[in-house]
Amino acid sequence: MKYICEACGWEYDEELGDPENGIAPGTKFEDLPDDFECPVCGVGKDMFSAQ
């Protein structure tokens, strides 16, 4: 599943993870730390929507 930052449009794809920021491929969005922030604009997980 993919999650889109509503503030800037950055996309988190669970299959790909975000290796540049230490998130392994296959990491579910719900398993990201509660203090996860968009690497582009800095908003929290509550500003992402599932696609």
C-alpha atoms as a PDB file:
ATOM      1  CA  MET A   1       0.000   0.000   0.000  1.00  0.00           C
ATOM      2  CA  LYS A   2       1.071   3.585  -0.580  1.00  0.00           C
ATOM      3  CA  TYR A   3       0.589   6.597   1.658  1.00  0.00           C
ATOM      4  CA  ILE A   4       0.659  10.173   0.381  1.00  0.00           C
ATOM      5  CA  CYS A   5       1.659  13.208   2.433  1.00  0.00           C
ATOM      6  CA  GLU A   6      -1.294  15.579   2.216  1.00  0.00           C
ATOM      7  CA  ALA A   7       0.962  18.584   2.780  1.00  0.00           C
ATOM      8  CA  CYS A   8       3.541  18.074   0.021  1.00  0.00           C
ATOM      9  CA  GLY A   9       2.633  14.963  -1.974  1.00  0.00           C
ATOM     10  CA  TRP A  10       5.615  12.791  -0.936  1.00  0.00           C
ATOM     11  CA  GLU A  11       4.756   9.119  -1.281  1.00  0.00           C
ATOM     12  CA  TYR A  12       5.612   6.310   1.142  1.00  0.00           C
ATOM     13  CA  ASP A  13       5.403   2.897  -0.516  1.00  0.00           C
ATOM     14  CA  GLU A  14       5.402   0.019   1.983  1.00  0.00           C
ATOM     15  CA  GLU A  15       7.026  -2.310  -0.557  1.00  0.00           C
ATOM     16  CA  LEU A  16       9.945   0.067  -1.123  1.00  0.00           C
ATOM     17  CA  GLY A  17      10.272   1.517   2.380  1.00  0.00           C
ATOM     18  CA  ASP A  18      12.580   4.524   2.590  1.00  0.00           C
ATOM     19  CA  PRO A  19      16.144   3.169   2.768  1.00  0.00           C
ATOM     20  CA  GLU A  20      17.641   6.675   2.524  1.00  0.00           C
ATOM     21  CA  ASN A  21      16.014   7.426   5.875  1.00  0.00           C
ATOM     22  CA  GLY A  22      16.622   4.044   7.521  1.00  0.00           C
ATOM     23  CA  ILE A  23      13.265   2.411   6.776  1.00  0.00           C
ATOM     24  CA  ALA A  24      13.625  -1.094   5.355  1.00  0.00           C
ATOM     25  CA  PRO A  25      11.590  -2.283   2.353  1.00  0.00           C
ATOM     26  CA  GLY A  26       8.420  -4.066   3.467  1.00  0.00           C
ATOM     27  CA  THR A  27       7.896  -1.827   6.517  1.00  0.00           C
ATOM     28  CA  LYS A  28       4.176  -1.236   7.034  1.00  0.00           C
ATOM     29  CA  PHE A  29       3.112   2.384   7.525  1.00  0.00           C
ATOM     30  CA  GLU A  30       1.442   1.434  10.810  1.00  0.00           C
ATOM     31  CA  ASP A  31       4.791   0.054  12.024  1.00  0.00           C
ATOM     32  CA  LEU A  32       6.631   3.332  11.469  1.00  0.00           C
ATOM     33  CA  PRO A  33       7.508   5.096  14.746  1.00  0.00           C
ATOM     34  CA  ASP A  34       4.824   7.367  16.176  1.00  0.00           C
ATOM     35  CA  ASP A  35       7.200  10.289  15.742  1.00  0.00           C
ATOM     36  CA  PHE A  36       7.757   9.560  12.019  1.00  0.00           C
ATOM     37  CA  GLU A  37       7.811  12.737   9.955  1.00  0.00           C
ATOM     38  CA  CYS A  38       7.614  13.298   6.215  1.00  0.00           C
ATOM     39  CA  PRO A  39      11.257  13.524   5.060  1.00  0.00           C
ATOM     40  CA  VAL A  40      10.361  16.380   2.709  1.00  0.00           C
ATOM     41  CA  CYS A  41       8.164  18.724   4.730  1.00  0.00           C
ATOM     42  CA  GLY A  42       8.258  17.396   8.307  1.00  0.00           C
ATOM     43  CA  VAL A  43       4.562  16.760   9.012  1.00  0.00           C
ATOM     44  CA  GLY A  44       3.517  13.789  11.155  1.00  0.00           C
ATOM     45  CA  LYS A  45       1.891  10.463  10.275  1.00  0.00           C
ATOM     46  CA  ASP A  46      -1.580  11.934  10.787  1.00  0.00           C
ATOM     47  CA  MET A  47      -1.082  14.017   7.641  1.00  0.00           C
ATOM     48  CA  PHE A  48      -0.765  10.956   5.373  1.00  0.00           C
ATOM     49  CA  SER A  49      -3.615   9.283   3.528  1.00  0.00           C
ATOM     50  CA  ALA A  50      -3.734   5.741   2.167  1.00  0.00           C
ATOM     51  CA  GLN A  51      -3.894   5.341  -1.601  1.00  0.00           C
END
